[in-house]
Protein backbone atom coordinates (compact mmCIF):
# COMPACT_ATOMS: atom_id res chain seq x y z
CA MET A 1 0.09 -0.07 -0.18
CA HIS A 2 2.17 2.47 -1.28
CA ILE A 3 2.93 4.30 -4.38
CA MET A 4 6.51 2.73 -5.08
CA HIS A 5 4.82 -0.66 -5.08
CA HIS A 6 2.13 0.75 -8.06
CA ALA A 7 5.70 2.25 -9.40
CA ALA A 8 7.20 -1.13 -9.61
CA GLY A 9 4.17 -2.75 -10.75
CA ALA A 10 2.51 -0.53 -13.22
CA PRO A 11 4.79 2.03 -13.88
CA GLU A 12 2.90 3.52 -16.74
CA LYS A 13 -0.66 3.95 -15.14
CA PRO A 14 -1.97 7.04 -13.98
CA ALA A 15 -1.88 8.32 -10.76
CA ILE A 16 -2.74 11.90 -11.34
CA ILE A 17 -4.72 13.19 -13.76
CA MET A 18 -5.98 17.42 -13.64
CA ALA A 19 -9.73 17.43 -14.60
CA GLY A 20 -8.72 20.91 -16.01
CA SER A 21 -5.60 21.04 -18.28
CA GLY A 22 -5.34 16.80 -18.86
CA LYS A 23 -2.07 17.08 -17.11
CA THR A 24 -1.25 13.35 -16.46
CA VAL A 25 1.34 12.16 -13.66
CA SER A 26 2.35 8.59 -14.11
CA TYR A 27 3.46 6.28 -10.79
CA ALA A 28 6.91 6.09 -12.05
CA GLU A 29 6.83 9.73 -12.42
CA LEU A 30 4.99 10.39 -8.60
CA GLU A 31 7.63 7.93 -7.45
CA ALA A 32 10.69 9.71 -8.91
CA GLN A 33 9.55 12.56 -7.95
CA SER A 34 8.35 12.13 -4.36
CA ASN A 35 11.75 10.43 -3.61
CA GLN A 36 13.71 13.83 -5.18
CA ALA A 37 11.60 15.90 -2.47
CA ALA A 38 12.51 13.49 -0.05
CA GLN A 39 16.35 13.96 -0.70
CA LEU A 40 15.58 17.35 -0.98
CA PHE A 41 13.98 17.24 2.38
CA ARG A 42 17.61 16.14 4.12
CA SER A 43 19.67 18.08 2.30
CA LEU A 44 18.05 20.93 4.03
CA GLY A 45 18.28 18.99 7.06
CA LEU A 46 15.16 17.92 8.21
CA LYS A 47 14.49 14.80 10.19
CA ARG A 48 12.05 12.84 11.21
CA GLY A 49 9.66 14.86 13.38
CA ASP A 50 10.69 17.97 11.58
CA THR A 51 7.74 20.05 9.70
CA ILE A 52 6.98 21.45 6.34
CA ALA A 53 4.06 24.10 5.22
CA ILE A 54 2.48 23.98 1.66
CA PHE A 55 0.49 26.96 0.45
CA ALA A 56 -0.10 26.13 -2.96
CA GLU A 57 -3.04 25.77 -5.00
CA ASN A 58 -4.05 22.33 -6.59
CA THR A 59 -1.31 21.07 -8.53
CA PRO A 60 0.38 17.73 -9.47
CA THR A 61 3.34 18.90 -7.13
CA TYR A 62 1.04 18.81 -4.13
CA PHE A 63 1.45 14.92 -4.01
CA ALA A 64 5.45 15.09 -4.54
CA LEU A 65 5.62 17.32 -1.71
CA CYS A 66 3.40 15.14 0.81
CA TRP A 67 4.34 11.57 -0.92
CA GLY A 68 8.17 12.76 -0.20
CA ALA A 69 7.35 14.01 3.25
CA GLN A 70 5.42 11.01 4.13
CA ARG A 71 8.56 8.58 3.47
CA SER A 72 10.45 11.06 5.44
CA GLY A 73 9.05 10.87 8.26
CA LEU A 74 8.20 14.61 8.04
CA VAL A 75 5.25 16.36 9.40
CA PHE A 76 2.86 18.43 6.73
CA THR A 77 0.69 21.07 7.38
CA CYS A 78 -1.15 22.22 4.43
CA ILE A 79 -2.62 25.88 4.42
CA SER A 80 -5.95 27.09 2.93
CA SER A 81 -4.93 28.69 -0.05
CA LYS A 82 -7.79 31.39 0.54
CA LEU A 83 -6.07 32.59 3.86
CA SER A 84 -4.75 36.31 4.49
CA ALA A 85 -1.14 37.12 5.27
CA ASP A 86 -1.55 37.60 9.04
CA GLU A 87 -3.35 33.93 8.87
CA VAL A 88 -0.96 31.78 6.60
CA GLU A 89 2.06 33.43 9.17
CA TYR A 90 0.14 32.44 12.09
CA ILE A 91 -0.01 29.15 10.97
CA VAL A 92 3.72 28.69 9.66
CA ARG A 93 4.76 29.79 12.84
CA ASP A 94 2.54 27.68 14.95
CA CYS A 95 3.50 24.67 13.08
CA GLY A 96 7.06 25.06 13.67
CA ALA A 97 7.85 24.80 9.74
CA ARG A 98 11.54 24.86 9.00
CA ALA A 99 10.41 24.58 4.93
CA PHE A 100 7.47 26.46 3.31
CA PHE A 101 6.64 25.39 -0.49
CA ALA A 102 4.00 28.19 -1.94
CA SER A 103 2.24 27.75 -5.53
CA ALA A 104 3.49 30.97 -7.63
CA SER A 105 0.17 32.40 -7.88
CA LEU A 106 -0.10 32.83 -4.40
CA GLY A 107 3.35 34.55 -4.60
CA GLY A 108 2.47 38.20 -3.22
CA ILE A 109 1.19 36.70 0.12
CA ALA A 110 3.59 34.09 0.61
CA SER A 111 6.06 36.69 -0.56
CA GLU A 112 5.07 38.72 2.92
CA VAL A 113 5.49 35.93 5.36
CA ALA A 114 8.61 34.81 4.05
CA ARG A 115 10.00 38.58 5.12
CA ARG A 116 8.15 38.23 8.12
CA LEU A 117 9.30 34.99 8.91
CA GLY A 118 13.21 35.95 7.67
CA ASP A 119 15.86 33.37 6.74
CA ALA A 120 15.37 31.01 9.14
CA LEU A 121 12.57 29.82 7.35
CA ALA A 122 13.68 27.82 3.82
CA ALA A 123 10.78 29.16 1.18
CA PHE A 124 10.21 27.52 -2.26
CA ALA A 125 8.08 28.29 -5.26
CA VAL A 126 6.07 25.66 -6.57
CA ASP A 127 4.78 25.74 -10.26
CA GLY A 128 6.61 28.77 -11.18
CA ASP A 129 9.01 32.07 -9.74
CA ILE A 130 8.47 33.96 -6.48
CA PRO A 131 11.07 36.89 -6.17
CA GLY A 132 13.27 35.73 -3.57
CA PHE A 133 11.92 32.43 -3.47
CA ARG A 134 14.26 29.05 -4.03
CA SER A 135 12.72 26.71 -7.26
CA PHE A 136 11.72 23.69 -5.92
CA ALA A 137 11.45 22.37 -9.67
CA ALA A 138 14.79 23.11 -9.86
CA GLU A 139 16.08 21.99 -7.05
CA SER A 140 14.24 18.94 -6.91
CA SER A 141 15.66 17.91 -9.72
CA ALA A 142 18.89 18.42 -9.11
CA VAL A 143 19.17 15.42 -6.56
CA PRO A 144 18.71 11.89 -7.01
CA ALA A 145 15.27 9.98 -7.53
CA SER A 146 16.59 7.27 -5.30
CA ARG A 147 15.07 6.46 -2.05
CA ILE A 148 16.46 7.84 0.29
CA ALA A 149 18.20 5.41 3.30
CA ASP A 150 16.69 6.43 6.28
CA GLU A 151 12.88 6.15 5.29
CA SER A 152 9.85 6.45 7.55
CA SER A 153 6.87 7.01 7.96
CA GLY A 154 5.58 10.82 8.48
CA ARG A 155 1.98 12.25 8.37
CA ASP A 156 -0.41 15.45 7.99
CA MET A 157 -0.99 18.36 10.67
CA LEU A 158 -3.78 19.78 9.50
CA TYR A 159 -5.26 22.71 10.76
CA SER A 160 -9.11 23.82 11.66
CA SER A 161 -10.90 26.03 9.45
CA GLY A 162 -11.47 28.68 12.28
CA THR A 163 -15.00 29.32 11.36
CA THR A 164 -15.26 29.82 15.24
CA GLY A 165 -11.44 31.30 16.27
CA ARG A 166 -8.05 30.75 15.45
CA PRO A 167 -7.04 27.87 13.44
CA LYS A 168 -6.01 24.81 15.32
CA GLY A 169 -3.43 22.41 14.33
CA ILE A 170 -4.89 18.81 15.04
CA LYS A 171 -1.92 16.70 16.06
CA GLY A 172 -1.40 12.89 16.24
CA MET A 173 1.58 10.86 16.67
CA LEU A 174 3.95 10.27 14.22
CA PRO A 175 3.44 6.22 12.74
CA GLU A 176 5.94 4.04 14.01
CA GLU A 177 4.86 1.34 11.47
CA ALA A 178 6.41 0.79 7.73
CA ILE A 179 5.92 3.37 5.12
CA ASP A 180 3.87 0.81 3.38
CA ALA A 181 1.21 -0.19 6.36
CA PRO A 182 -2.22 0.00 6.06
CA ASN A 183 -4.24 2.40 8.35
CA VAL A 184 -7.95 2.82 9.68
CA MET A 185 -9.08 5.09 7.48
CA ILE A 186 -7.87 2.48 3.71
CA GLY A 187 -9.80 -0.10 5.75
CA LEU A 188 -12.95 2.38 5.99
CA MET A 189 -12.68 3.66 2.60
CA GLN A 190 -12.47 -0.66 1.24
CA ALA A 191 -14.96 -1.64 3.68
CA LEU A 192 -17.49 1.08 3.40
CA PHE A 193 -17.17 2.41 0.07
CA GLY A 194 -15.26 -0.58 -2.14
CA PHE A 195 -12.10 1.35 -3.13
CA ASN A 196 -9.18 -0.45 -5.22
CA ASP A 197 -6.87 -0.19 -8.07
CA GLN A 198 -9.71 0.23 -9.84
CA VAL A 199 -10.97 3.19 -8.79
CA VAL A 200 -10.94 6.28 -10.66
CA TYR A 201 -11.55 8.98 -7.99
CA LEU A 202 -13.04 12.58 -8.67
CA SER A 203 -11.71 15.34 -5.85
CA PRO A 204 -13.52 18.25 -6.91
CA ALA A 205 -12.17 20.18 -3.66
CA PRO A 206 -9.04 22.12 -2.08
CA LEU A 207 -5.98 19.69 -1.47
CA TYR A 208 -5.30 21.53 1.52
CA HIS A 209 -8.17 20.11 3.00
CA ALA A 210 -8.22 16.97 5.53
CA ALA A 211 -10.95 14.81 3.09
CA PRO A 212 -9.90 15.35 -0.02
CA LEU A 213 -5.69 15.10 0.93
CA ARG A 214 -6.35 12.13 2.84
CA TYR A 215 -8.72 10.10 0.74
CA CYS A 216 -6.95 10.38 -2.36
CA MET A 217 -3.44 9.48 -1.09
CA GLY A 218 -5.52 6.64 0.05
CA VAL A 219 -6.49 6.11 -3.62
CA GLN A 220 -3.02 6.36 -4.75
CA LYS A 221 -1.91 3.58 -1.55
CA LEU A 222 -4.05 1.34 -3.02
CA GLY A 223 -3.01 2.08 -6.86
CA GLY A 224 -6.31 3.75 -8.60
CA THR A 225 -6.09 7.01 -10.20
CA VAL A 226 -6.96 10.45 -8.84
CA VAL A 227 -8.89 13.00 -11.11
CA VAL A 228 -7.98 16.60 -9.11
CA MET A 229 -10.42 19.75 -9.83
CA GLU A 230 -8.00 22.78 -10.14
CA HIS A 231 -10.93 24.50 -8.97
CA PHE A 232 -14.97 23.50 -8.82
CA ASP A 233 -17.65 24.27 -11.08
CA PRO A 234 -20.85 22.54 -11.49
CA GLU A 235 -20.49 21.61 -15.13
CA GLN A 236 -17.48 21.10 -15.58
CA ALA A 237 -17.53 18.38 -12.47
CA LEU A 238 -20.15 16.37 -14.49
CA ALA A 239 -18.20 16.56 -17.63
CA ALA A 240 -15.24 15.19 -16.01
CA ILE A 241 -17.45 12.47 -14.93
CA GLU A 242 -18.37 11.72 -17.89
CA LYS A 243 -14.97 11.98 -19.49
CA TYR A 244 -12.96 10.28 -17.34
CA ARG A 245 -15.72 8.06 -16.40
CA ILE A 246 -15.27 8.35 -12.47
CA THR A 247 -16.21 5.67 -10.76
CA HIS A 248 -16.03 7.17 -6.91
CA SER A 249 -15.87 11.04 -5.75
CA GLN A 250 -16.43 12.94 -2.98
CA TRP A 251 -18.66 16.05 -2.19
CA VAL A 252 -19.94 18.54 0.25
CA PRO A 253 -23.78 19.78 -0.07
CA THR A 254 -22.98 23.01 -1.69
CA HIS A 255 -21.43 21.21 -4.51
CA PHE A 256 -24.80 19.12 -4.75
CA VAL A 257 -26.70 22.72 -4.62
CA ARG A 258 -24.35 24.29 -7.57
CA MET A 259 -25.01 20.93 -9.71
CA LEU A 260 -28.84 20.78 -9.37
CA LYS A 261 -29.40 24.36 -9.96
CA LEU A 262 -28.06 23.97 -13.08
CA PRO A 263 -30.57 24.01 -16.30
CA GLU A 264 -31.93 20.62 -16.85
CA GLU A 265 -30.85 19.97 -20.18
CA VAL A 266 -27.05 21.45 -18.92
CA ARG A 267 -27.68 18.02 -16.19
CA ARG A 268 -28.66 16.07 -18.68
CA ARG A 269 -25.98 16.89 -21.33
CA TYR A 270 -23.71 14.46 -19.27
CA ASP A 271 -23.48 11.02 -18.81
CA VAL A 272 -22.87 10.26 -14.92
CA SER A 273 -23.75 6.54 -15.36
CA SER A 274 -20.07 5.40 -14.71
CA LEU A 275 -20.30 6.30 -10.88
CA LYS A 276 -20.16 3.42 -8.62
CA VAL A 277 -20.06 5.32 -4.88
CA ALA A 278 -20.34 9.04 -4.42
CA ILE A 279 -19.41 10.26 -0.99
CA HIS A 280 -20.57 13.60 0.85
CA ALA A 281 -19.49 15.23 4.25
CA ALA A 282 -18.12 17.93 5.75
CA ALA A 283 -21.81 19.54 6.32
CA PRO A 284 -25.14 18.45 6.79
CA CYS A 285 -27.16 17.82 3.99
CA PRO A 286 -30.59 19.00 3.57
CA VAL A 287 -32.69 16.00 3.03
CA GLU A 288 -34.84 17.29 -0.28
CA ILE A 289 -31.19 18.29 -1.70
CA LYS A 290 -30.09 14.48 -1.20
CA GLU A 291 -33.66 13.30 -2.49
CA GLN A 292 -32.80 15.13 -5.84
CA MET A 293 -29.33 13.76 -6.31
CA PHE A 294 -30.63 10.01 -5.27
CA ASP A 295 -33.14 10.88 -8.25
CA TRP A 296 -30.84 11.93 -10.63
CA TRP A 297 -27.42 9.53 -9.72
CA GLY A 298 -29.28 6.72 -8.51
CA ASP A 299 -28.46 5.01 -5.21
CA VAL A 300 -24.46 5.71 -5.35
CA ILE A 301 -24.88 8.61 -2.98
CA TYR A 302 -23.08 7.64 0.51
CA GLU A 303 -22.13 9.94 3.42
CA TYR A 304 -19.86 9.97 6.57
CA TYR A 305 -19.64 12.52 9.55
CA SER A 306 -16.35 12.84 11.34
CA ALA A 307 -13.89 15.79 11.50
CA THR A 308 -9.88 16.16 11.31
CA GLU A 309 -9.62 15.58 14.65
CA GLY A 310 -10.59 11.59 14.10
CA ALA A 311 -12.12 10.96 17.72
CA GLY A 312 -15.35 9.53 16.00
CA PHE A 313 -16.79 8.17 12.63
CA THR A 314 -20.27 7.14 11.42
CA ALA A 315 -21.50 6.01 7.72
CA ILE A 316 -24.65 5.80 5.84
CA GLY A 317 -25.01 4.12 2.24
CA PRO A 318 -27.95 4.41 -0.15
CA ALA A 319 -30.43 1.80 1.79
CA ASP A 320 -29.62 2.51 5.34
CA TRP A 321 -30.57 6.02 4.43
CA LYS A 322 -33.69 5.72 2.72
CA ALA A 323 -35.09 4.24 6.07
CA HIS A 324 -33.64 6.45 7.74
CA ARG A 325 -33.95 9.91 6.29
CA GLY A 326 -31.69 12.47 7.38
CA SER A 327 -29.10 10.33 9.40
CA VAL A 328 -25.47 10.87 8.90
CA GLY A 329 -25.27 6.86 9.69
CA ARG A 330 -24.15 4.44 12.73
CA SER A 331 -20.94 4.59 14.22
CA MET A 332 -17.97 2.97 12.49
CA LEU A 333 -15.39 4.90 15.30
CA GLY A 334 -16.40 5.37 18.84
CA GLN A 335 -19.37 4.91 20.69
CA ILE A 336 -21.88 7.63 20.22
CA HIS A 337 -23.20 9.27 23.42
CA ILE A 338 -25.85 12.05 23.40
CA LEU A 339 -25.47 14.18 26.51
CA ASP A 340 -27.68 17.06 28.44
CA GLU A 341 -26.02 20.23 29.75
CA ASP A 342 -25.11 18.27 32.81
CA GLY A 343 -23.41 15.59 31.02
CA GLU A 344 -25.98 12.76 31.67
CA GLU A 345 -26.57 10.39 29.06
CA LEU A 346 -29.99 11.13 27.14
CA PRO A 347 -32.32 8.17 25.82
CA PRO A 348 -32.99 8.06 21.95
CA GLY A 349 -34.82 10.57 20.55
CA GLU A 350 -33.63 13.31 22.88
CA ILE A 351 -31.27 16.35 21.42
CA GLY A 352 -28.17 16.73 23.02
CA ARG A 353 -24.30 17.08 22.59
CA VAL A 354 -22.84 14.38 20.39
CA TYR A 355 -19.88 12.73 22.26
CA PHE A 356 -17.73 9.54 20.79
CA SER A 357 -15.64 7.53 23.46
CA GLY A 358 -13.68 4.65 22.52
CA GLY A 359 -11.80 6.74 19.15
CA PRO A 360 -8.21 7.98 18.73
CA PRO A 361 -6.55 10.21 20.68
CA PHE A 362 -5.96 13.83 19.58
CA GLU A 363 -4.50 17.17 20.80
CA TYR A 364 -4.21 20.34 19.34
CA HIS A 365 -0.42 21.17 18.22
CA GLY A 366 1.02 23.36 20.78
CA ASP A 367 -2.38 23.75 23.28
CA ALA A 368 -3.15 20.22 24.70
CA GLU A 369 -5.29 22.37 26.98
CA GLN A 370 -7.45 23.33 24.58
CA ALA A 371 -7.94 19.69 22.93
CA ARG A 372 -8.96 18.92 26.99
CA GLY A 373 -12.03 21.75 26.14
CA SER A 374 -13.51 19.30 23.79
CA LEU A 375 -13.28 16.39 26.01
CA ASP A 376 -15.87 15.50 29.03
CA GLU A 377 -14.55 14.55 32.35
CA ARG A 378 -14.92 10.76 31.09
CA GLY A 379 -12.61 11.48 28.09
CA ARG A 380 -15.36 11.44 25.74
CA ALA A 381 -14.89 13.14 22.72
CA THR A 382 -17.33 16.36 20.62
CA PHE A 383 -16.70 17.94 17.62
CA GLY A 384 -19.60 20.02 18.73
CA ASP A 385 -22.34 19.26 16.97
CA ILE A 386 -25.92 18.70 18.55
CA GLY A 387 -28.07 15.76 17.47
CA TYR A 388 -29.42 12.79 18.62
CA VAL A 389 -30.00 8.93 17.92
CA ASP A 390 -32.53 7.02 16.99
CA THR A 391 -33.75 3.59 18.54
CA ASP A 392 -31.46 1.44 16.22
CA GLY A 393 -28.02 3.70 16.30
CA PHE A 394 -28.52 6.15 13.69
CA LEU A 395 -26.74 9.48 14.74
CA TYR A 396 -29.08 12.69 13.28
CA LEU A 397 -27.26 15.76 13.60
CA THR A 398 -29.39 19.00 14.32
CA ASP A 399 -26.95 21.44 14.30
CA ARG A 400 -23.59 22.89 15.99
CA GLN A 401 -23.73 24.05 19.37
CA ALA A 402 -22.44 27.42 18.80
CA PHE A 403 -25.23 28.18 15.79
CA MET A 404 -27.96 27.32 17.98
CA ILE A 405 -30.20 30.58 18.63
CA ILE A 406 -32.22 31.06 21.86
CA SER A 407 -35.00 33.06 21.17
CA GLY A 408 -37.63 33.82 24.23
CA GLY A 409 -36.12 30.83 25.82
CA VAL A 410 -37.03 28.78 22.69
CA ASN A 411 -33.98 26.72 21.51
CA ILE A 412 -33.60 27.16 17.44
CA TYR A 413 -31.82 25.04 14.88
CA PRO A 414 -30.32 27.31 11.98
CA GLN A 415 -29.59 24.53 9.78
CA GLU A 416 -32.99 23.26 9.95
CA VAL A 417 -34.33 26.52 8.37
CA GLU A 418 -31.03 26.56 6.13
CA ASN A 419 -32.28 23.02 4.49
CA VAL A 420 -35.78 24.79 3.70
CA LEU A 421 -34.23 27.93 2.45
CA VAL A 422 -31.54 26.36 0.05
CA ALA A 423 -34.38 24.58 -1.76
CA HIS A 424 -35.91 27.69 -2.66
CA PRO A 425 -35.34 27.99 -6.82
CA LYS A 426 -34.05 31.65 -5.99
CA VAL A 427 -31.57 30.60 -3.21
CA ALA A 428 -28.22 29.96 -4.46
CA ASP A 429 -26.86 29.97 -0.61
CA VAL A 430 -28.20 30.64 2.79
CA ALA A 431 -26.55 31.42 5.99
CA VAL A 432 -29.28 31.61 8.87
CA PHE A 433 -28.48 32.93 12.71
CA GLY A 434 -29.80 34.57 15.65
CA VAL A 435 -29.38 38.47 15.95
CA PRO A 436 -30.15 40.95 18.93
CA ASN A 437 -33.71 41.22 20.06
CA PRO A 438 -34.86 43.65 22.84
CA GLU A 439 -37.89 41.52 24.41
CA PHE A 440 -36.33 37.98 23.50
CA GLY A 441 -33.33 37.94 23.31
CA GLU A 442 -32.12 36.53 19.76
CA GLU A 443 -34.17 36.66 16.32
CA VAL A 444 -33.87 34.35 13.42
CA LYS A 445 -32.15 36.40 11.07
CA ALA A 446 -31.36 35.10 7.21
CA VAL A 447 -28.72 35.64 4.83
CA VAL A 448 -29.33 34.62 1.09
CA GLN A 449 -27.20 34.74 -1.63
CA PRO A 450 -29.50 34.51 -4.61
CA MET A 451 -29.03 32.99 -7.89
CA ASP A 452 -29.93 36.04 -9.81
CA TRP A 453 -28.97 39.12 -7.74
CA ALA A 454 -31.76 41.43 -9.79
CA ASP A 455 -34.35 39.30 -7.28
CA ALA A 456 -32.70 40.78 -4.18
CA GLY A 457 -35.10 42.97 -2.60
CA PRO A 458 -38.48 43.35 -0.27
CA ASP A 459 -40.64 41.23 -2.78
CA LEU A 460 -37.68 38.03 -2.84
CA ALA A 461 -37.37 39.09 1.22
CA ALA A 462 -41.38 38.27 1.96
CA GLU A 463 -41.50 35.21 -0.77
CA LEU A 464 -38.79 33.51 1.37
CA ILE A 465 -40.06 34.40 4.62
CA ALA A 466 -43.95 32.90 3.77
CA TYR A 467 -42.24 29.89 1.97
CA CYS A 468 -40.55 29.38 5.30
CA ARG A 469 -43.94 29.60 7.54
CA ASP A 470 -45.40 26.92 5.10
CA ARG A 471 -42.98 24.52 5.72
CA LEU A 472 -42.16 24.88 9.68
CA SER A 473 -43.19 26.52 13.03
CA HIS A 474 -43.12 30.47 12.68
CA VAL A 475 -41.12 30.71 15.25
CA LYS A 476 -38.05 29.41 13.47
CA CYS A 477 -38.78 31.62 10.70
CA PRO A 478 -36.70 34.59 9.96
CA ARG A 479 -38.27 37.42 10.70
CA THR A 480 -35.82 39.33 8.29
CA VAL A 481 -33.72 38.29 5.04
CA ASP A 482 -31.03 40.33 3.89
CA PHE A 483 -29.16 39.67 0.56
CA GLU A 484 -25.25 39.54 -0.30
CA PRO A 485 -23.65 38.77 -3.55
CA GLU A 486 -21.65 35.88 -2.15
CA LEU A 487 -21.72 34.02 1.41
CA PRO A 488 -18.52 33.64 3.29
CA ARG A 489 -18.43 29.87 2.89
CA HIS A 490 -15.10 28.06 2.66
CA PRO A 491 -14.72 25.90 -0.45
CA THR A 492 -14.62 22.91 1.69
CA GLY A 493 -18.58 23.45 2.02
CA LYS A 494 -17.85 25.24 5.74
CA LEU A 495 -19.61 28.52 6.29
CA TYR A 496 -17.82 31.12 7.94
CA LYS A 497 -21.04 32.59 9.76
CA ARG A 498 -19.14 34.19 12.49
CA LEU A 499 -18.06 36.59 10.23
CA LEU A 500 -21.56 37.50 9.31
CA LYS A 501 -22.89 37.14 12.91
CA ASP A 502 -20.14 39.99 13.78
CA ARG A 503 -22.03 42.60 11.74
CA TYR A 504 -24.71 42.15 14.12
CA TRP A 505 -23.35 41.82 17.47
CA GLY A 506 -20.58 43.54 16.94
CA LYS A 507 -16.62 42.39 17.76
CA GLY A 508 -16.51 41.45 21.41
CA GLU A 509 -19.61 42.93 22.59
CA THR A 510 -21.02 39.65 23.63
CA GLY A 511 -20.04 35.70 23.96
CA ILE A 512 -22.46 34.98 21.14
CA VAL A 513 -20.19 35.84 18.65
């Protein structure tokens, strides 16, 4: 289970295909490139346990760097390409990176980060030139493509998206096993979703996020082919499925929404019959959206629920979901507990905070105390979500604890309202949250990204409020609707709701933000 074996057995097989450009990297080429990356790391004095930081857009070089670090015993921290110089600097400092690899297209921010960090950081440009940076292509091509003598297994250390505060590095132990050893995630990919060496896997999301990175590398461990979209576009995603005969893919619900809102004649233009498994995760998927995907793609939709911390994992396939609509599945890793505010276990059907026990331990880099804040006194871990289990043990997510609205003493879960509004044909995206109300403490506010900005205005606001009231209890419905040309949503599907709430509550004026 490693690219080195596939390079020996099927050297010309594509390991990577870039969906837009068609650029292809074979297993033999990826093996050589990752060996050269490992040789370069050693020439820089990097040893087992040291860290590199990657600030790059989707590119084949991403995999050369990650596989080079994986076989060198290094920790590799992949940083969102959407962050500011201050945010990137914070992560590079916090993770303790000794080398920094940045896409030339991100050169402005990368240069500012390198200037602030000074000569202690070895800075390399990827896929082009950045003034003052060393060239990764030139320096890696000047070293041998043979394996380093002291290979050992490295790992990623990825940071939370920072939707509720400073990003946190999720830290695990460096693996002690051989670089080609199987792991728990590979086992789940095989058992739940049928991954093998015949898989052609479409990855439409940024590689710096946990699921795209880990699943792509998992496919390559198994000897399949990864098709990577440079940037997500709904019609281009459908075209890639048809062109490359995609068998497996992974999405977030906003991808589904954007594909479903393509004109019918565009959707029907592309053959998606090669799909065997289309996984979705990262955010709750509205039931109506998922049902439309089943109607379109057939019984190939699978879902899992986890987090970068990896303390628990649930999964659900088509048949179980249809019998338990809205569920994110039963636990495959860790035992589920639903706890009330006093930490007492709740019975099936009652809503509380979701915890897992028995999963792998985790901590946040440089802040073990913060990780303990995600654990209760018995060591059970939470991702901060609210939900319940049914009598069959299936988990249902209601919302995140931080987003719950308390209006006149009534708990309101914004996700339920968002699920209704996003199904409206004039809504491209929506965020629902609480805003100040002098009588009730909070009231429900919806901020909508319309499909057509020309529709934004009082008439559409009234239409959306009425649409909600036809489908939900009036107490849950927004009292007012505002409009934005685009919501601050992370490419991985996470919504930066805090940035919207700040406008209404004011920074630092209340603990709610």
